[in-house]
N, C-alpha and C. Protein backbone atom coordinates (compact mmCIF):
# COMPACT_ATOMS: atom_id res chain seq x y z
N MET A 1 0.84 -1.19 0.00
CA MET A 1 0.00 0.00 0.00
C MET A 1 0.88 1.24 0.00
N ALA A 2 0.44 2.26 -0.69
CA ALA A 2 1.18 3.51 -0.80
C ALA A 2 1.34 4.19 0.55
N HIS A 3 2.45 4.87 0.71
CA HIS A 3 2.68 5.64 1.93
C HIS A 3 2.83 7.13 1.65
N THR A 4 2.78 7.50 0.37
CA THR A 4 2.77 8.91 -0.01
C THR A 4 1.66 9.10 -1.04
N LEU A 5 1.14 10.30 -1.11
CA LEU A 5 0.08 10.58 -2.09
C LEU A 5 0.53 10.25 -3.50
N GLU A 6 1.75 10.57 -3.82
CA GLU A 6 2.23 10.41 -5.18
C GLU A 6 2.32 8.95 -5.62
N THR A 7 2.29 8.02 -4.68
CA THR A 7 2.36 6.60 -5.03
C THR A 7 1.02 5.89 -4.85
N LEU A 8 -0.05 6.65 -4.64
CA LEU A 8 -1.38 6.04 -4.51
C LEU A 8 -1.76 5.33 -5.80
N GLU A 9 -2.42 4.23 -5.66
CA GLU A 9 -2.87 3.45 -6.81
C GLU A 9 -4.38 3.64 -6.99
N PRO A 10 -4.85 3.63 -8.22
CA PRO A 10 -6.30 3.63 -8.45
C PRO A 10 -6.91 2.44 -7.70
N GLY A 11 -8.08 2.68 -7.13
CA GLY A 11 -8.76 1.64 -6.37
C GLY A 11 -8.52 1.72 -4.87
N THR A 12 -7.57 2.56 -4.44
CA THR A 12 -7.32 2.71 -3.00
C THR A 12 -8.57 3.28 -2.34
N PRO A 13 -9.06 2.66 -1.26
CA PRO A 13 -10.25 3.15 -0.58
C PRO A 13 -10.03 4.53 0.05
N VAL A 14 -11.11 5.32 0.09
CA VAL A 14 -11.09 6.65 0.70
C VAL A 14 -12.16 6.67 1.79
N TYR A 15 -11.80 7.17 2.97
CA TYR A 15 -12.69 7.20 4.13
C TYR A 15 -12.85 8.61 4.67
N VAL A 16 -14.03 8.84 5.23
CA VAL A 16 -14.28 10.01 6.07
C VAL A 16 -14.67 9.41 7.42
N GLY A 17 -13.82 9.61 8.41
CA GLY A 17 -14.02 8.90 9.67
C GLY A 17 -13.91 7.40 9.40
N THR A 18 -14.92 6.65 9.80
CA THR A 18 -14.91 5.20 9.55
C THR A 18 -15.75 4.81 8.34
N VAL A 19 -16.31 5.80 7.65
CA VAL A 19 -17.19 5.55 6.51
C VAL A 19 -16.39 5.53 5.21
N ARG A 20 -16.49 4.43 4.48
CA ARG A 20 -15.84 4.35 3.17
C ARG A 20 -16.71 5.14 2.20
N VAL A 21 -16.13 6.20 1.60
CA VAL A 21 -16.90 7.07 0.72
C VAL A 21 -16.61 6.82 -0.76
N GLY A 22 -15.52 6.14 -1.05
CA GLY A 22 -15.19 5.90 -2.45
C GLY A 22 -13.81 5.33 -2.62
N GLU A 23 -13.27 5.54 -3.82
CA GLU A 23 -11.93 5.05 -4.12
C GLU A 23 -11.21 6.00 -5.06
N VAL A 24 -9.90 5.98 -4.96
CA VAL A 24 -9.04 6.82 -5.79
C VAL A 24 -9.16 6.38 -7.24
N ARG A 25 -9.32 7.35 -8.13
CA ARG A 25 -9.31 7.09 -9.57
C ARG A 25 -8.02 7.56 -10.21
N ALA A 26 -7.53 8.75 -9.77
CA ALA A 26 -6.32 9.33 -10.37
C ALA A 26 -5.77 10.44 -9.49
N LEU A 27 -4.54 10.83 -9.78
CA LEU A 27 -3.89 11.96 -9.12
C LEU A 27 -3.54 12.99 -10.17
N TYR A 28 -3.67 14.26 -9.82
CA TYR A 28 -3.34 15.35 -10.74
C TYR A 28 -2.39 16.32 -10.06
N THR A 29 -1.54 16.93 -10.88
CA THR A 29 -0.56 17.89 -10.40
C THR A 29 -0.60 19.12 -11.31
N GLU A 30 0.12 20.17 -10.92
CA GLU A 30 0.21 21.38 -11.74
C GLU A 30 1.64 21.55 -12.23
N GLY A 31 1.75 22.05 -13.45
CA GLY A 31 3.07 22.34 -14.02
C GLY A 31 3.97 21.12 -14.05
N ASN A 32 5.24 21.33 -13.68
CA ASN A 32 6.23 20.24 -13.69
C ASN A 32 6.36 19.58 -12.32
N SER A 33 5.49 19.95 -11.40
CA SER A 33 5.57 19.40 -10.05
C SER A 33 5.32 17.90 -10.05
N ARG A 34 5.93 17.21 -9.09
CA ARG A 34 5.68 15.79 -8.86
C ARG A 34 4.82 15.61 -7.61
N GLN A 35 4.28 16.71 -7.11
CA GLN A 35 3.45 16.68 -5.90
C GLN A 35 1.98 16.70 -6.30
N ALA A 36 1.20 15.77 -5.74
CA ALA A 36 -0.23 15.70 -6.04
C ALA A 36 -0.93 16.95 -5.53
N GLU A 37 -1.78 17.52 -6.36
CA GLU A 37 -2.59 18.69 -5.99
C GLU A 37 -4.06 18.30 -5.83
N LEU A 38 -4.52 17.39 -6.67
CA LEU A 38 -5.91 16.91 -6.64
C LEU A 38 -5.93 15.40 -6.66
N ILE A 39 -6.87 14.85 -5.93
CA ILE A 39 -7.12 13.41 -5.97
C ILE A 39 -8.51 13.25 -6.56
N VAL A 40 -8.59 12.50 -7.64
CA VAL A 40 -9.90 12.22 -8.22
C VAL A 40 -10.42 10.97 -7.51
N VAL A 41 -11.57 11.14 -6.86
CA VAL A 41 -12.17 10.06 -6.07
C VAL A 41 -13.53 9.74 -6.65
N HIS A 42 -13.77 8.46 -6.91
CA HIS A 42 -15.13 8.05 -7.28
C HIS A 42 -15.91 8.02 -5.98
N TRP A 43 -16.84 8.97 -5.82
CA TRP A 43 -17.63 9.13 -4.59
C TRP A 43 -18.87 8.25 -4.73
N ASP A 44 -18.91 7.18 -3.94
CA ASP A 44 -19.96 6.17 -4.09
C ASP A 44 -21.38 6.73 -3.99
N ALA A 45 -21.65 7.56 -3.00
CA ALA A 45 -23.01 8.06 -2.80
C ALA A 45 -23.49 8.94 -3.95
N ARG A 46 -22.57 9.57 -4.64
CA ARG A 46 -22.92 10.42 -5.79
C ARG A 46 -22.78 9.69 -7.11
N ASN A 47 -22.12 8.54 -7.08
CA ASN A 47 -21.84 7.76 -8.27
C ASN A 47 -21.17 8.60 -9.36
N GLU A 48 -20.19 9.41 -8.92
CA GLU A 48 -19.44 10.23 -9.85
C GLU A 48 -18.06 10.53 -9.28
N ASP A 49 -17.17 10.92 -10.16
CA ASP A 49 -15.82 11.30 -9.75
C ASP A 49 -15.83 12.75 -9.28
N VAL A 50 -15.17 13.00 -8.15
CA VAL A 50 -15.07 14.34 -7.60
C VAL A 50 -13.60 14.70 -7.42
N ALA A 51 -13.33 16.00 -7.36
CA ALA A 51 -11.98 16.52 -7.16
C ALA A 51 -11.77 16.84 -5.69
N VAL A 52 -10.87 16.11 -5.06
CA VAL A 52 -10.56 16.34 -3.64
C VAL A 52 -9.18 16.99 -3.56
N PRO A 53 -9.10 18.20 -3.00
CA PRO A 53 -7.79 18.82 -2.85
C PRO A 53 -6.88 17.94 -1.99
N ALA A 54 -5.63 17.80 -2.38
CA ALA A 54 -4.69 16.95 -1.65
C ALA A 54 -4.57 17.37 -0.18
N GLY A 55 -4.76 18.63 0.10
CA GLY A 55 -4.68 19.13 1.48
C GLY A 55 -5.76 18.58 2.40
N GLU A 56 -6.77 17.93 1.85
CA GLU A 56 -7.83 17.33 2.66
C GLU A 56 -7.46 15.96 3.22
N VAL A 57 -6.31 15.45 2.82
CA VAL A 57 -5.89 14.13 3.31
C VAL A 57 -5.29 14.26 4.70
N ALA A 58 -5.87 13.50 5.64
CA ALA A 58 -5.36 13.50 7.01
C ALA A 58 -4.29 12.43 7.17
N THR A 59 -4.60 11.22 6.71
CA THR A 59 -3.64 10.12 6.82
C THR A 59 -3.73 9.21 5.61
N LEU A 60 -2.68 8.47 5.43
CA LEU A 60 -2.58 7.49 4.36
C LEU A 60 -1.87 6.29 4.95
N ASP A 61 -2.56 5.14 4.97
CA ASP A 61 -1.94 3.95 5.55
C ASP A 61 -2.42 2.71 4.79
N ALA A 62 -2.17 1.54 5.34
CA ALA A 62 -2.50 0.29 4.66
C ALA A 62 -4.00 0.13 4.41
N SER A 63 -4.84 0.81 5.19
CA SER A 63 -6.29 0.69 4.98
C SER A 63 -6.81 1.63 3.91
N GLY A 64 -6.03 2.66 3.57
CA GLY A 64 -6.44 3.61 2.55
C GLY A 64 -6.19 5.04 2.94
N VAL A 65 -6.95 5.94 2.33
CA VAL A 65 -6.84 7.38 2.54
C VAL A 65 -7.94 7.83 3.49
N ARG A 66 -7.59 8.63 4.49
CA ARG A 66 -8.59 9.21 5.40
C ARG A 66 -8.55 10.72 5.23
N LEU A 67 -9.73 11.28 5.00
CA LEU A 67 -9.84 12.73 4.84
C LEU A 67 -9.96 13.40 6.20
N ILE A 68 -9.67 14.69 6.24
CA ILE A 68 -9.59 15.45 7.50
C ILE A 68 -10.91 15.55 8.24
N ALA A 69 -11.96 15.94 7.55
CA ALA A 69 -13.24 16.21 8.22
C ALA A 69 -13.83 14.93 8.80
N PRO A 70 -14.47 15.03 9.97
CA PRO A 70 -15.05 13.83 10.59
C PRO A 70 -16.43 13.44 10.05
N GLU A 71 -17.07 14.34 9.30
CA GLU A 71 -18.43 14.08 8.81
C GLU A 71 -18.46 14.06 7.28
N VAL A 72 -19.13 13.07 6.72
CA VAL A 72 -19.25 12.95 5.26
C VAL A 72 -19.91 14.20 4.67
N ALA A 73 -20.88 14.77 5.35
CA ALA A 73 -21.61 15.93 4.84
C ALA A 73 -20.69 17.11 4.53
N THR A 74 -19.56 17.17 5.18
CA THR A 74 -18.59 18.25 4.94
C THR A 74 -18.17 18.29 3.48
N TYR A 75 -18.19 17.15 2.82
CA TYR A 75 -17.71 17.05 1.45
C TYR A 75 -18.83 17.07 0.41
N ALA A 76 -20.02 17.45 0.81
CA ALA A 76 -21.18 17.46 -0.11
C ALA A 76 -21.01 18.43 -1.28
N THR A 77 -20.16 19.43 -1.12
CA THR A 77 -20.01 20.44 -2.18
C THR A 77 -18.77 20.23 -3.05
N LEU A 78 -18.12 19.09 -2.93
CA LEU A 78 -16.96 18.84 -3.80
C LEU A 78 -17.38 18.91 -5.25
N SER A 79 -16.54 19.49 -6.07
CA SER A 79 -16.83 19.63 -7.50
C SER A 79 -16.72 18.28 -8.20
N LYS A 80 -17.66 18.07 -9.12
CA LYS A 80 -17.55 16.91 -9.99
C LYS A 80 -16.27 17.09 -10.80
N PHE A 81 -15.50 16.02 -10.96
CA PHE A 81 -14.25 16.15 -11.71
C PHE A 81 -14.52 16.06 -13.19
N ASP A 82 -14.08 17.09 -13.88
CA ASP A 82 -14.11 17.15 -15.33
C ASP A 82 -12.80 17.85 -15.69
N ALA A 83 -11.91 17.14 -16.35
CA ALA A 83 -10.58 17.69 -16.65
C ALA A 83 -10.65 19.06 -17.31
N ALA A 84 -11.67 19.31 -18.12
CA ALA A 84 -11.80 20.61 -18.79
C ALA A 84 -12.03 21.75 -17.80
N ARG A 85 -12.59 21.45 -16.64
CA ARG A 85 -12.83 22.48 -15.61
C ARG A 85 -11.58 22.79 -14.81
N PHE A 86 -10.55 21.98 -14.96
CA PHE A 86 -9.30 22.15 -14.24
C PHE A 86 -8.15 22.23 -15.25
N PRO A 87 -8.10 23.31 -16.03
CA PRO A 87 -7.14 23.39 -17.16
C PRO A 87 -5.68 23.47 -16.74
N THR A 88 -5.39 23.79 -15.51
CA THR A 88 -3.98 23.93 -15.11
C THR A 88 -3.39 22.65 -14.55
N VAL A 89 -4.18 21.59 -14.44
CA VAL A 89 -3.66 20.34 -13.88
C VAL A 89 -3.58 19.27 -14.97
N HIS A 90 -2.72 18.31 -14.69
CA HIS A 90 -2.57 17.17 -15.60
C HIS A 90 -2.31 15.93 -14.76
N PRO A 91 -2.56 14.74 -15.32
CA PRO A 91 -2.35 13.51 -14.55
C PRO A 91 -0.90 13.39 -14.06
N LEU A 92 -0.76 12.93 -12.85
CA LEU A 92 0.55 12.67 -12.29
C LEU A 92 0.95 11.26 -12.72
N THR A 93 2.01 11.18 -13.49
CA THR A 93 2.44 9.87 -14.01
C THR A 93 3.83 9.54 -13.55
C-alpha cells in the first residue's frame, strides 16, 4: 500500500471517519511538479468522480486514505471532476 500521495494506486479506498466514501481514480498535479494537488475520487453516494484537494488528506496507511473532516456531509459540495474544468492540472504519471 502507498505511503505517499504520489504513489497512490487507483482503487485505493477513501474514508471520512470510519465511513468508506469511495476510491481513488487518479492523481493530478500542476506544471512540472511531482506533488499531487488533486485526488480524483469516485464518490460512491454520488456515483461520480469528484476533485478532492490533496490538502484534505489526514492520513494514508494500509487501509487507505482518510480525509480530514469527521463528517461525510462536509464534502457534499466537492466539485464533480471534469478535466476541462481544471485546465492547469494534468495527470501525475
